[in-house]
C-alpha cells in the first residue's frame, strides 16, 4: 500500500497501528493522519530506534496493511456476489 492510500484509509488503519506500536498514544495517531514521515519520527521518539529502522518498520507495516485491506475488500465483494 502506498502512503497516499494509507493517508486515505487512516481511520480504518489506526487500530492496526495501535496494535503494532502500543506506545503510540491516541493523540499521536490523530496527529499522524497516515503521513509516513510523521509516523517514522514518532516511532523514533517513542521507541528510541534509528530513522532507518523506523522507516523499515513503517514500510513493513504498510505492506501488511495493504494485504489486510485487500483481503477484507475481497471478502466483502465475495459476500456481495454470493447474495446476488
PDB file of N, CA and C in Angstrom:
ATOM      1  N   UNK A   1       0.866  -1.165   0.000  1.00  0.00           N
ATOM      2  CA  UNK A   1       0.000   0.000   0.000  1.00  0.00           C
ATOM      3  C   UNK A   1       0.908   1.221   0.000  1.00  0.00           C
ATOM      4  N   UNK A   2       0.656   2.129  -0.923  1.00  0.00           N
ATOM      5  CA  UNK A   2       1.478   3.332  -0.897  1.00  0.00           C
ATOM      6  C   UNK A   2       0.948   4.277   0.183  1.00  0.00           C
ATOM      7  N   UNK A   3       1.748   5.252   0.510  1.00  0.00           N
ATOM      8  CA  UNK A   3       1.413   6.102   1.654  1.00  0.00           C
ATOM      9  C   UNK A   3       0.259   7.051   1.369  1.00  0.00           C
ATOM     10  N   UNK A   4      -0.031   7.332   0.098  1.00  0.00           N
ATOM     11  CA  UNK A   4      -1.236   8.108  -0.220  1.00  0.00           C
ATOM     12  C   UNK A   4      -2.478   7.297   0.145  1.00  0.00           C
ATOM     13  N   UNK A   5      -2.423   5.994  -0.117  1.00  0.00           N
ATOM     14  CA  UNK A   5      -3.538   5.117   0.245  1.00  0.00           C
ATOM     15  C   UNK A   5      -3.670   5.008   1.761  1.00  0.00           C
ATOM     16  N   UNK A   6      -2.526   4.931   2.445  1.00  0.00           N
ATOM     17  CA  UNK A   6      -2.551   4.872   3.910  1.00  0.00           C
ATOM     18  C   UNK A   6      -3.243   6.114   4.456  1.00  0.00           C
ATOM     19  N   UNK A   7      -2.867   7.285   3.937  1.00  0.00           N
ATOM     20  CA  UNK A   7      -3.500   8.529   4.396  1.00  0.00           C
ATOM     21  C   UNK A   7      -5.003   8.486   4.155  1.00  0.00           C
ATOM     22  N   UNK A   8      -5.410   7.990   2.999  1.00  0.00           N
ATOM     23  CA  UNK A   8      -6.828   7.942   2.662  1.00  0.00           C
ATOM     24  C   UNK A   8      -7.630   6.970   3.524  1.00  0.00           C
ATOM     25  N   UNK A   9      -6.969   5.945   4.029  1.00  0.00           N
ATOM     26  CA  UNK A   9      -7.651   4.920   4.831  1.00  0.00           C
ATOM     27  C   UNK A   9      -7.224   4.979   6.296  1.00  0.00           C
ATOM     28  N   UNK A  10      -6.654   6.086   6.711  1.00  0.00           N
ATOM     29  CA  UNK A  10      -6.065   6.183   8.044  1.00  0.00           C
ATOM     30  C   UNK A  10      -7.037   5.817   9.161  1.00  0.00           C
ATOM     31  N   UNK A  11      -8.273   6.285   9.076  1.00  0.00           N
ATOM     32  CA  UNK A  11      -9.235   5.977  10.142  1.00  0.00           C
ATOM     33  C   UNK A  11      -9.429   4.471  10.281  1.00  0.00           C
ATOM     34  N   UNK A  12      -9.447   3.763   9.163  1.00  0.00           N
ATOM     35  CA  UNK A  12      -9.594   2.311   9.188  1.00  0.00           C
ATOM     36  C   UNK A  12      -8.341   1.631   9.733  1.00  0.00           C
ATOM     37  N   UNK A  13      -7.190   2.233   9.514  1.00  0.00           N
ATOM     38  CA  UNK A  13      -5.915   1.592   9.829  1.00  0.00           C
ATOM     39  C   UNK A  13      -5.361   1.941  11.206  1.00  0.00           C
ATOM     40  N   UNK A  14      -5.933   2.940  11.864  1.00  0.00           N
ATOM     41  CA  UNK A  14      -5.389   3.370  13.162  1.00  0.00           C
ATOM     42  C   UNK A  14      -5.324   2.239  14.176  1.00  0.00           C
ATOM     43  N   UNK A  15      -6.317   1.384  14.193  1.00  0.00           N
ATOM     44  CA  UNK A  15      -6.319   0.268  15.142  1.00  0.00           C
ATOM     45  C   UNK A  15      -5.146  -0.667  14.917  1.00  0.00           C
ATOM     46  N   UNK A  16      -4.828  -0.900  13.666  1.00  0.00           N
ATOM     47  CA  UNK A  16      -3.694  -1.749  13.312  1.00  0.00           C
ATOM     48  C   UNK A  16      -2.378  -1.114  13.760  1.00  0.00           C
ATOM     49  N   UNK A  17      -2.283   0.195  13.617  1.00  0.00           N
ATOM     50  CA  UNK A  17      -1.084   0.918  14.055  1.00  0.00           C
ATOM     51  C   UNK A  17      -0.951   0.821  15.568  1.00  0.00           C
ATOM     52  N   UNK A  18      -2.040   1.038  16.264  1.00  0.00           N
ATOM     53  CA  UNK A  18      -2.040   0.980  17.730  1.00  0.00           C
ATOM     54  C   UNK A  18      -1.671  -0.422  18.215  1.00  0.00           C
ATOM     55  N   UNK A  19      -2.159  -1.428  17.508  1.00  0.00           N
ATOM     56  CA  UNK A  19      -1.851  -2.810  17.877  1.00  0.00           C
ATOM     57  C   UNK A  19      -0.364  -3.101  17.665  1.00  0.00           C
ATOM     58  N   UNK A  20       0.193  -2.610  16.591  1.00  0.00           N
ATOM     59  CA  UNK A  20       1.610  -2.866  16.289  1.00  0.00           C
ATOM     60  C   UNK A  20       2.531  -2.059  17.182  1.00  0.00           C
ATOM     61  N   UNK A  21       2.174  -0.803  17.421  1.00  0.00           N
ATOM     62  CA  UNK A  21       3.024   0.084  18.216  1.00  0.00           C
ATOM     63  C   UNK A  21       2.204   0.659  19.365  1.00  0.00           C
ATOM     64  N   UNK A  22       2.081  -0.103  20.416  1.00  0.00           N
ATOM     65  CA  UNK A  22       1.260   0.270  21.563  1.00  0.00           C
ATOM     66  C   UNK A  22       1.726   1.498  22.319  1.00  0.00           C
ATOM     67  N   UNK A  23       2.977   1.912  22.112  1.00  0.00           N
ATOM     68  CA  UNK A  23       3.471   3.114  22.792  1.00  0.00           C
ATOM     69  C   UNK A  23       2.965   4.403  22.150  1.00  0.00           C
ATOM     70  N   UNK A  24       2.348   4.299  20.991  1.00  0.00           N
ATOM     71  CA  UNK A  24       1.776   5.485  20.358  1.00  0.00           C
ATOM     72  C   UNK A  24       0.441   5.792  21.022  1.00  0.00           C
ATOM     73  N   UNK A  25       0.237   7.040  21.341  1.00  0.00           N
ATOM     74  CA  UNK A  25      -0.996   7.457  22.006  1.00  0.00           C
ATOM     75  C   UNK A  25      -2.094   7.737  20.975  1.00  0.00           C
ATOM     76  N   UNK A  26      -3.312   7.868  21.468  1.00  0.00           N
ATOM     77  CA  UNK A  26      -4.415   8.248  20.580  1.00  0.00           C
ATOM     78  C   UNK A  26      -4.154   9.612  19.956  1.00  0.00           C
ATOM     79  N   UNK A  27      -3.569  10.523  20.733  1.00  0.00           N
ATOM     80  CA  UNK A  27      -3.211  11.837  20.188  1.00  0.00           C
ATOM     81  C   UNK A  27      -2.182  11.695  19.073  1.00  0.00           C
ATOM     82  N   UNK A  28      -1.197  10.804  19.276  1.00  0.00           N
ATOM     83  CA  UNK A  28      -0.209  10.550  18.221  1.00  0.00           C
ATOM     84  C   UNK A  28      -0.916  10.113  16.944  1.00  0.00           C
ATOM     85  N   UNK A  29      -1.818   9.154  17.087  1.00  0.00           N
ATOM     86  CA  UNK A  29      -2.499   8.605  15.916  1.00  0.00           C
ATOM     87  C   UNK A  29      -3.315   9.665  15.190  1.00  0.00           C
ATOM     88  N   UNK A  30      -3.944  10.541  15.952  1.00  0.00           N
ATOM     89  CA  UNK A  30      -4.720  11.621  15.345  1.00  0.00           C
ATOM     90  C   UNK A  30      -3.800  12.585  14.604  1.00  0.00           C
ATOM     91  N   UNK A  31      -2.683  12.915  15.215  1.00  0.00           N
ATOM     92  CA  UNK A  31      -1.726  13.850  14.619  1.00  0.00           C
ATOM     93  C   UNK A  31      -1.073  13.273  13.370  1.00  0.00           C
ATOM     94  N   UNK A  32      -0.772  11.989  13.387  1.00  0.00           N
ATOM     95  CA  UNK A  32      -0.056  11.358  12.276  1.00  0.00           C
ATOM     96  C   UNK A  32      -0.836  11.406  10.973  1.00  0.00           C
ATOM     97  N   UNK A  33      -2.116  11.147  11.030  1.00  0.00           N
ATOM     98  CA  UNK A  33      -3.003  11.174   9.856  1.00  0.00           C
ATOM     99  C   UNK A  33      -2.473  10.370   8.672  1.00  0.00           C
ATOM    100  N   UNK A  34      -1.704   9.312   8.949  1.00  0.00           N
ATOM    101  CA  UNK A  34      -1.228   8.456   7.876  1.00  0.00           C
ATOM    102  C   UNK A  34      -0.004   8.952   7.144  1.00  0.00           C
ATOM    103  N   UNK A  35       0.622   9.976   7.648  1.00  0.00           N
ATOM    104  CA  UNK A  35       1.805  10.528   6.986  1.00  0.00           C
ATOM    105  C   UNK A  35       3.050   9.739   7.406  1.00  0.00           C
ATOM    106  N   UNK A  36       3.754   9.205   6.432  1.00  0.00           N
ATOM    107  CA  UNK A  36       4.905   8.336   6.687  1.00  0.00           C
ATOM    108  C   UNK A  36       5.975   9.023   7.523  1.00  0.00           C
ATOM    109  N   UNK A  37       6.379  10.224   7.124  1.00  0.00           N
ATOM    110  CA  UNK A  37       7.447  10.918   7.851  1.00  0.00           C
ATOM    111  C   UNK A  37       7.066  11.184   9.296  1.00  0.00           C
ATOM    112  N   UNK A  38       5.807  11.511   9.524  1.00  0.00           N
ATOM    113  CA  UNK A  38       5.337  11.747  10.892  1.00  0.00           C
ATOM    114  C   UNK A  38       5.391  10.453  11.702  1.00  0.00           C
ATOM    115  N   UNK A  39       4.952   9.357  11.101  1.00  0.00           N
ATOM    116  CA  UNK A  39       4.985   8.069  11.786  1.00  0.00           C
ATOM    117  C   UNK A  39       6.423   7.670  12.097  1.00  0.00           C
ATOM    118  N   UNK A  40       7.297   7.814  11.133  1.00  0.00           N
ATOM    119  CA  UNK A  40       8.711   7.464  11.333  1.00  0.00           C
ATOM    120  C   UNK A  40       9.298   8.270  12.486  1.00  0.00           C
ATOM    121  N   UNK A  41       9.045   9.565  12.502  1.00  0.00           N
ATOM    122  CA  UNK A  41       9.552  10.412  13.584  1.00  0.00           C
ATOM    123  C   UNK A  41       9.006  10.015  14.938  1.00  0.00           C
ATOM    124  N   UNK A  42       7.729   9.703  14.974  1.00  0.00           N
ATOM    125  CA  UNK A  42       7.110   9.314  16.241  1.00  0.00           C
ATOM    126  C   UNK A  42       7.643   7.968  16.718  1.00  0.00           C
ATOM    127  N   UNK A  43       7.885   7.041  15.795  1.00  0.00           N
ATOM    128  CA  UNK A  43       8.466   5.748  16.175  1.00  0.00           C
ATOM    129  C   UNK A  43       9.868   5.940  16.751  1.00  0.00           C
ATOM    130  N   UNK A  44      10.626   6.837  16.143  1.00  0.00           N
ATOM    131  CA  UNK A  44      11.961   7.129  16.672  1.00  0.00           C
ATOM    132  C   UNK A  44      11.868   7.644  18.105  1.00  0.00           C
ATOM    133  N   UNK A  45      10.955   8.578  18.326  1.00  0.00           N
ATOM    134  CA  UNK A  45      10.788   9.171  19.657  1.00  0.00           C
ATOM    135  C   UNK A  45      10.341   8.143  20.686  1.00  0.00           C
ATOM    136  N   UNK A  46       9.305   7.405  20.359  1.00  0.00           N
ATOM    137  CA  UNK A  46       8.683   6.508  21.339  1.00  0.00           C
ATOM    138  C   UNK A  46       9.486   5.235  21.601  1.00  0.00           C
ATOM    139  N   UNK A  47      10.234   4.795  20.600  1.00  0.00           N
ATOM    140  CA  UNK A  47      10.937   3.517  20.721  1.00  0.00           C
ATOM    141  C   UNK A  47      12.458   3.644  20.726  1.00  0.00           C
ATOM    142  N   UNK A  48      12.983   4.844  20.514  1.00  0.00           N
ATOM    143  CA  UNK A  48      14.425   5.045  20.545  1.00  0.00           C
ATOM    144  C   UNK A  48      15.166   4.265  19.465  1.00  0.00           C
ATOM    145  N   UNK A  49      14.572   4.192  18.288  1.00  0.00           N
ATOM    146  CA  UNK A  49      15.192   3.460  17.183  1.00  0.00           C
ATOM    147  C   UNK A  49      15.709   4.448  16.143  1.00  0.00           C
ATOM    148  N   UNK A  50      16.546   3.950  15.246  1.00  0.00           N
ATOM    149  CA  UNK A  50      17.102   4.813  14.206  1.00  0.00           C
ATOM    150  C   UNK A  50      16.029   5.153  13.175  1.00  0.00           C
ATOM    151  N   UNK A  51      16.292   6.193  12.422  1.00  0.00           N
ATOM    152  CA  UNK A  51      15.369   6.587  11.352  1.00  0.00           C
ATOM    153  C   UNK A  51      15.210   5.446  10.345  1.00  0.00           C
ATOM    154  N   UNK A  52      16.323   4.814   9.993  1.00  0.00           N
ATOM    155  CA  UNK A  52      16.280   3.721   9.021  1.00  0.00           C
ATOM    156  C   UNK A  52      15.418   2.565   9.529  1.00  0.00           C
ATOM    157  N   UNK A  53      15.590   2.222  10.793  1.00  0.00           N
ATOM    158  CA  UNK A  53      14.794   1.132  11.366  1.00  0.00           C
ATOM    159  C   UNK A  53      13.313   1.509  11.404  1.00  0.00           C
ATOM    160  N   UNK A  54      13.029   2.748  11.785  1.00  0.00           N
ATOM    161  CA  UNK A  54      11.641   3.213  11.832  1.00  0.00           C
ATOM    162  C   UNK A  54      11.020   3.205  10.434  1.00  0.00           C
ATOM    163  N   UNK A  55      11.793   3.613   9.429  1.00  0.00           N
ATOM    164  CA  UNK A  55      11.288   3.602   8.053  1.00  0.00           C
ATOM    165  C   UNK A  55      11.001   2.172   7.604  1.00  0.00           C
ATOM    166  N   UNK A  56      11.888   1.260   7.921  1.00  0.00           N
ATOM    167  CA  UNK A  56      11.705  -0.139   7.544  1.00  0.00           C
ATOM    168  C   UNK A  56      10.448  -0.714   8.212  1.00  0.00           C
ATOM    169  N   UNK A  57      10.301  -0.450   9.503  1.00  0.00           N
ATOM    170  CA  UNK A  57       9.122  -0.957  10.221  1.00  0.00           C
ATOM    171  C   UNK A  57       7.831  -0.367   9.662  1.00  0.00           C
ATOM    172  N   UNK A  58       7.846   0.930   9.385  1.00  0.00           N
ATOM    173  CA  UNK A  58       6.651   1.584   8.841  1.00  0.00           C
ATOM    174  C   UNK A  58       6.289   1.003   7.479  1.00  0.00           C
ATOM    175  N   UNK A  59       7.293   0.780   6.641  1.00  0.00           N
ATOM    176  CA  UNK A  59       7.029   0.226   5.311  1.00  0.00           C
ATOM    177  C   UNK A  59       6.560  -1.225   5.385  1.00  0.00           C
ATOM    178  N   UNK A  60       7.121  -1.998   6.319  1.00  0.00           N
ATOM    179  CA  UNK A  60       6.661  -3.380   6.509  1.00  0.00           C
ATOM    180  C   UNK A  60       5.207  -3.396   6.969  1.00  0.00           C
ATOM    181  N   UNK A  61       4.881  -2.486   7.884  1.00  0.00           N
ATOM    182  CA  UNK A  61       3.500  -2.401   8.354  1.00  0.00           C
ATOM    183  C   UNK A  61       2.566  -2.022   7.199  1.00  0.00           C
ATOM    184  N   UNK A  62       2.979  -1.044   6.380  1.00  0.00           N
ATOM    185  CA  UNK A  62       2.135  -0.602   5.265  1.00  0.00           C
ATOM    186  C   UNK A  62       1.886  -1.745   4.287  1.00  0.00           C
ATOM    187  N   UNK A  63       2.901  -2.564   4.032  1.00  0.00           N
ATOM    188  CA  UNK A  63       2.734  -3.710   3.134  1.00  0.00           C
ATOM    189  C   UNK A  63       1.742  -4.709   3.727  1.00  0.00           C
ATOM    190  N   UNK A  64       1.853  -4.962   5.026  1.00  0.00           N
ATOM    191  CA  UNK A  64       0.923  -5.881   5.693  1.00  0.00           C
ATOM    192  C   UNK A  64      -0.491  -5.299   5.704  1.00  0.00           C
ATOM    193  N   UNK A  65      -0.599  -3.998   5.914  1.00  0.00           N
ATOM    194  CA  UNK A  65      -1.909  -3.343   5.920  1.00  0.00           C
ATOM    195  C   UNK A  65      -2.559  -3.459   4.547  1.00  0.00           C
ATOM    196  N   UNK A  66      -1.755  -3.346   3.507  1.00  0.00           N
ATOM    197  CA  UNK A  66      -2.261  -3.485   2.143  1.00  0.00           C
ATOM    198  C   UNK A  66      -2.867  -4.873   1.951  1.00  0.00           C
ATOM    199  N   UNK A  67      -2.154  -5.896   2.411  1.00  0.00           N
ATOM    200  CA  UNK A  67      -2.656  -7.265   2.289  1.00  0.00           C
ATOM    201  C   UNK A  67      -3.957  -7.435   3.072  1.00  0.00           C
ATOM    202  N   UNK A  68      -4.021  -6.832   4.255  1.00  0.00           N
ATOM    203  CA  UNK A  68      -5.218  -6.932   5.093  1.00  0.00           C
ATOM    204  C   UNK A  68      -6.408  -6.245   4.426  1.00  0.00           C
ATOM    205  N   UNK A  69      -6.197  -5.044   3.917  1.00  0.00           N
ATOM    206  CA  UNK A  69      -7.280  -4.301   3.264  1.00  0.00           C
ATOM    207  C   UNK A  69      -7.749  -5.049   2.020  1.00  0.00           C
ATOM    208  N   UNK A  70      -6.798  -5.602   1.245  1.00  0.00           N
ATOM    209  CA  UNK A  70      -7.169  -6.381   0.061  1.00  0.00           C
ATOM    210  C   UNK A  70      -8.017  -7.589   0.439  1.00  0.00           C
ATOM    211  N   UNK A  71      -7.608  -8.290   1.488  1.00  0.00           N
ATOM    212  CA  UNK A  71      -8.353  -9.475   1.927  1.00  0.00           C
ATOM    213  C   UNK A  71      -9.755  -9.093   2.382  1.00  0.00           C
ATOM    214  N   UNK A  72      -9.858  -7.991   3.113  1.00  0.00           N
ATOM    215  CA  UNK A  72     -11.169  -7.547   3.591  1.00  0.00           C
ATOM    216  C   UNK A  72     -12.064  -7.135   2.434  1.00  0.00           C
ATOM    217  N   UNK A  73     -11.498  -6.416   1.466  1.00  0.00           N
ATOM    218  CA  UNK A  73     -12.327  -5.966   0.344  1.00  0.00           C
ATOM    219  C   UNK A  73     -12.707  -7.142  -0.547  1.00  0.00           C
ATOM    220  N   UNK A  74     -11.826  -8.120  -0.692  1.00  0.00           N
ATOM    221  CA  UNK A  74     -12.154  -9.316  -1.463  1.00  0.00           C
ATOM    222  C   UNK A  74     -13.259 -10.093  -0.767  1.00  0.00           C
ATOM    223  N   UNK A  75     -13.167 -10.209   0.544  1.00  0.00           N
ATOM    224  CA  UNK A  75     -14.210 -10.887   1.312  1.00  0.00           C
ATOM    225  C   UNK A  75     -15.538 -10.179   1.197  1.00  0.00           C
ATOM    226  N   UNK A  76     -15.516  -8.862   1.225  1.00  0.00           N
ATOM    227  CA  UNK A  76     -16.751  -8.083   1.104  1.00  0.00           C
ATOM    228  C   UNK A  76     -17.356  -8.265  -0.283  1.00  0.00           C
ATOM    229  N   UNK A  77     -16.499  -8.282  -1.314  1.00  0.00           N
ATOM    230  CA  UNK A  77     -17.009  -8.485  -2.676  1.00  0.00           C
ATOM    231  C   UNK A  77     -17.589  -9.883  -2.826  1.00  0.00           C
ATOM    232  N   UNK A  78     -16.926 -10.877  -2.236  1.00  0.00           N
ATOM    233  CA  UNK A  78     -17.426 -12.255  -2.320  1.00  0.00           C
ATOM    234  C   UNK A  78     -18.773 -12.378  -1.630  1.00  0.00           C
ATOM    235  N   UNK A  79     -18.906 -11.748  -0.483  1.00  0.00           N
ATOM    236  CA  UNK A  79     -20.170 -11.801   0.255  1.00  0.00           C
ATOM    237  C   UNK A  79     -21.275 -11.134  -0.548  1.00  0.00           C
ATOM    238  N   UNK A  80     -20.958 -10.014  -1.184  1.00  0.00           N
ATOM    239  CA  UNK A  80     -21.944  -9.311  -2.000  1.00  0.00           C
ATOM    240  C   UNK A  80     -22.322 -10.152  -3.210  1.00  0.00           C
ATOM    241  N   UNK A  81     -21.336 -10.764  -3.862  1.00  0.00           N
ATOM    242  CA  UNK A  81     -21.597 -11.589  -5.042  1.00  0.00           C
ATOM    243  C   UNK A  81     -22.460 -12.786  -4.703  1.00  0.00           C
ATOM    244  N   UNK A  82     -22.219 -13.389  -3.550  1.00  0.00           N
ATOM    245  CA  UNK A  82     -22.987 -14.578  -3.193  1.00  0.00           C
ATOM    246  C   UNK A  82     -24.440 -14.239  -2.875  1.00  0.00           C
ATOM    247  N   UNK A  83     -24.713 -12.997  -2.528  1.00  0.00           N
ATOM    248  CA  UNK A  83     -26.087 -12.581  -2.245  1.00  0.00           C
ATOM    249  C   UNK A  83     -26.867 -12.338  -3.526  1.00  0.00           C
ATOM    250  N   UNK A  84     -26.156 -12.106  -4.621  1.00  0.00           N
ATOM    251  CA  UNK A  84     -26.820 -11.814  -5.895  1.00  0.00           C
ATOM    252  C   UNK A  84     -27.295 -13.048  -6.496  1.00  0.00           C
TER     253      UNK A  84
END
